[in-house]
Amino acid sequence: MNGPRIDAEFMPMSERDVDEVAALEAGLQAFPWTRGHFSDSLGAGYSAWVLRRSGELIGFSVVMPVLDEAHLLNIGVAARCHGQGYGARLLRHAMECARLNGAVKMFLEVRPSNDRAVYLYRHFGFSQIGVRKAYYPAAVGREDALVFDKDLV
């Protein structure tokens, strides 16, 4: 990245962010979450955050709390910001928020074809604990999901 690094800040996702977050997601995924998925997550009280740099949305995360566990449902970084450490910042923030809210373990699913995400999760100490067969829609048929977990304490 050229020039001075402009710091980014986390803010709780609000209904005002949903259209922008859904548009960012649509640019990242072949089978993206809809606006309704994000809005429903907010309505359910999930831990949802946006990451903004100079007011510009560059990432988001959504975590569902379940008793003393947390399930990372969705996380994304604008394509123009890939490789700049924002995914790591989002994941670290999601884990810390979950831990502060009483979670002792975090779970997630990831497409095996998403090499970048698989690497990030493994780098942060997540371990594969299973496979969900035919979990994700795909261009042809369905794609499995790798199930990962990590202790947060």
Protein backbone atom coordinates (compact mmCIF):
# COMPACT_ATOMS: atom_id res chain seq x y z
CA MET A 1 0.00 0.00 0.00
CA ASN A 2 1.45 3.36 -0.98
CA GLY A 3 1.22 6.54 1.06
CA PRO A 4 0.43 6.93 4.75
CA ARG A 5 -1.79 4.29 6.29
CA ILE A 6 -5.17 5.67 7.18
CA ASP A 7 -6.50 3.95 10.24
CA ALA A 8 -9.86 2.24 10.11
CA GLU A 9 -12.44 2.11 12.87
CA PHE A 10 -15.00 -0.43 13.99
CA MET A 11 -18.62 0.56 14.53
CA PRO A 12 -21.63 -1.55 15.41
CA MET A 13 -23.56 -2.34 12.24
CA SER A 14 -26.90 -0.54 12.10
CA GLU A 15 -29.87 -0.71 9.77
CA ARG A 16 -28.39 2.35 7.99
CA ASP A 17 -25.38 0.20 6.99
CA VAL A 18 -27.31 -2.78 5.62
CA ASP A 19 -27.70 -1.69 1.98
CA GLU A 20 -24.00 -0.84 1.75
CA VAL A 21 -22.93 -4.06 3.50
CA ALA A 22 -25.17 -6.16 1.24
CA ALA A 23 -23.68 -4.44 -1.82
CA LEU A 24 -20.14 -5.14 -0.60
CA GLU A 25 -21.08 -8.79 0.04
CA ALA A 26 -22.64 -9.07 -3.44
CA GLY A 27 -19.32 -7.98 -4.94
CA LEU A 28 -17.45 -10.68 -3.02
CA GLN A 29 -19.59 -13.80 -3.28
CA ALA A 30 -21.16 -15.73 -6.12
CA PHE A 31 -24.00 -16.62 -3.71
CA PRO A 32 -24.13 -13.63 -1.35
CA TRP A 33 -26.22 -12.97 1.69
CA THR A 34 -29.17 -10.75 0.88
CA ARG A 35 -30.09 -7.48 2.52
CA GLY A 36 -32.64 -9.50 4.49
CA HIS A 37 -29.98 -11.78 5.97
CA PHE A 38 -28.10 -8.80 7.38
CA SER A 39 -31.26 -7.05 8.57
CA ASP A 40 -32.51 -10.25 10.24
CA SER A 41 -29.13 -10.68 11.98
CA LEU A 42 -29.43 -7.19 13.44
CA GLY A 43 -33.01 -7.88 14.51
CA ALA A 44 -31.89 -11.08 16.25
CA GLY A 45 -29.29 -9.13 18.23
CA TYR A 46 -26.24 -10.77 16.68
CA SER A 47 -22.87 -9.08 17.08
CA ALA A 48 -22.53 -7.27 13.74
CA TRP A 49 -19.78 -4.76 13.00
CA VAL A 50 -18.58 -2.62 10.13
CA LEU A 51 -15.02 -1.47 9.52
CA ARG A 52 -14.70 1.96 7.93
CA ARG A 53 -11.70 3.91 6.70
CA SER A 54 -12.35 7.64 6.27
CA GLY A 55 -16.06 6.84 6.32
CA GLU A 56 -15.77 4.29 3.52
CA LEU A 57 -17.01 0.76 4.24
CA ILE A 58 -14.14 -1.69 3.87
CA GLY A 59 -15.40 -4.70 5.83
CA PHE A 60 -17.96 -6.31 8.11
CA SER A 61 -18.53 -9.27 10.39
CA VAL A 62 -21.59 -11.02 11.83
CA VAL A 63 -21.36 -13.36 14.84
CA MET A 64 -24.24 -15.30 16.39
CA PRO A 65 -23.90 -15.91 20.13
CA VAL A 66 -25.12 -19.32 21.37
CA LEU A 67 -24.84 -19.71 25.14
CA ASP A 68 -21.08 -19.73 25.81
CA GLU A 69 -20.18 -20.19 22.13
CA ALA A 70 -20.04 -17.90 19.12
CA HIS A 71 -20.65 -18.75 15.48
CA LEU A 72 -18.96 -16.56 12.88
CA LEU A 73 -21.71 -16.36 10.26
CA ASN A 74 -20.18 -13.94 7.78
CA ILE A 75 -17.11 -11.79 7.35
CA GLY A 76 -15.94 -9.82 4.34
CA VAL A 77 -13.40 -7.27 3.18
CA ALA A 78 -13.81 -5.09 0.09
CA ALA A 79 -11.80 -6.62 -2.77
CA ARG A 80 -9.81 -3.40 -3.22
CA CYS A 81 -8.57 -3.81 0.38
CA HIS A 82 -7.52 -7.47 0.21
CA GLY A 83 -3.99 -8.21 1.36
CA GLN A 84 -3.81 -5.18 3.67
CA GLY A 85 -4.53 -6.93 6.98
CA TYR A 86 -8.17 -5.90 7.32
CA GLY A 87 -9.47 -9.48 7.33
CA ALA A 88 -7.17 -10.25 10.25
CA ARG A 89 -8.36 -7.12 12.06
CA LEU A 90 -12.01 -8.08 11.50
CA LEU A 91 -11.46 -11.64 12.70
CA ARG A 92 -9.48 -10.52 15.75
CA HIS A 93 -12.22 -8.01 16.61
CA ALA A 94 -14.99 -10.62 16.17
CA MET A 95 -13.17 -13.06 18.45
CA GLU A 96 -12.51 -10.42 21.10
CA CYS A 97 -16.14 -9.21 21.10
CA ALA A 98 -17.34 -12.80 21.40
CA ARG A 99 -14.92 -13.48 24.27
CA LEU A 100 -15.96 -10.31 26.10
CA ASN A 101 -19.59 -11.41 25.73
CA GLY A 102 -18.88 -14.75 27.42
CA ALA A 103 -18.01 -17.04 24.52
CA VAL A 104 -15.32 -19.61 25.24
CA LYS A 105 -15.29 -21.11 21.72
CA MET A 106 -15.93 -19.87 18.19
CA PHE A 107 -17.17 -21.95 15.27
CA LEU A 108 -17.35 -21.20 11.56
CA GLU A 109 -17.85 -22.80 8.17
CA VAL A 110 -15.74 -22.01 5.13
CA ARG A 111 -15.67 -23.18 1.53
CA PRO A 112 -12.63 -25.41 0.88
CA SER A 113 -12.16 -23.43 -2.35
CA ASN A 114 -11.72 -20.17 -0.38
CA ASP A 115 -7.96 -20.56 0.09
CA ARG A 116 -7.50 -17.04 1.43
CA ALA A 117 -10.07 -17.53 4.21
CA VAL A 118 -8.88 -21.05 5.09
CA TYR A 119 -5.33 -19.68 5.47
CA LEU A 120 -6.54 -16.78 7.65
CA TYR A 121 -8.50 -19.05 9.98
CA ARG A 122 -5.65 -21.51 10.34
CA HIS A 123 -3.22 -18.63 10.93
CA PHE A 124 -5.42 -17.54 13.84
CA GLY A 125 -5.40 -21.02 15.36
CA PHE A 126 -8.70 -22.39 14.12
CA SER A 127 -8.74 -26.17 13.63
CA GLN A 128 -10.88 -28.18 11.27
CA ILE A 129 -13.30 -30.35 13.24
CA GLY A 130 -15.56 -31.60 10.46
CA VAL A 131 -17.11 -31.26 7.03
CA ARG A 132 -20.70 -30.34 6.18
CA LYS A 133 -21.48 -32.13 2.93
CA ALA A 134 -23.12 -30.09 0.15
CA TYR A 135 -23.50 -27.08 2.47
CA TYR A 136 -22.96 -24.19 0.05
CA PRO A 137 -24.62 -23.49 -3.30
CA ALA A 138 -22.14 -23.67 -6.16
CA ALA A 139 -22.08 -22.96 -9.89
CA VAL A 140 -22.67 -26.68 -10.44
CA GLY A 141 -24.34 -28.58 -7.60
CA ARG A 142 -23.20 -27.79 -4.08
CA GLU A 143 -19.89 -27.37 -2.26
CA ASP A 144 -18.93 -28.84 1.10
CA ALA A 145 -18.08 -26.64 4.07
CA LEU A 146 -15.11 -27.12 6.33
CA VAL A 147 -16.14 -26.68 9.97
CA PHE A 148 -13.54 -24.97 12.15
CA ASP A 149 -13.40 -24.07 15.82
CA LYS A 150 -11.11 -22.23 18.20
CA ASP A 151 -10.98 -21.80 21.95
CA LEU A 152 -11.28 -18.14 22.91
CA VAL A 153 -10.01 -18.40 26.49
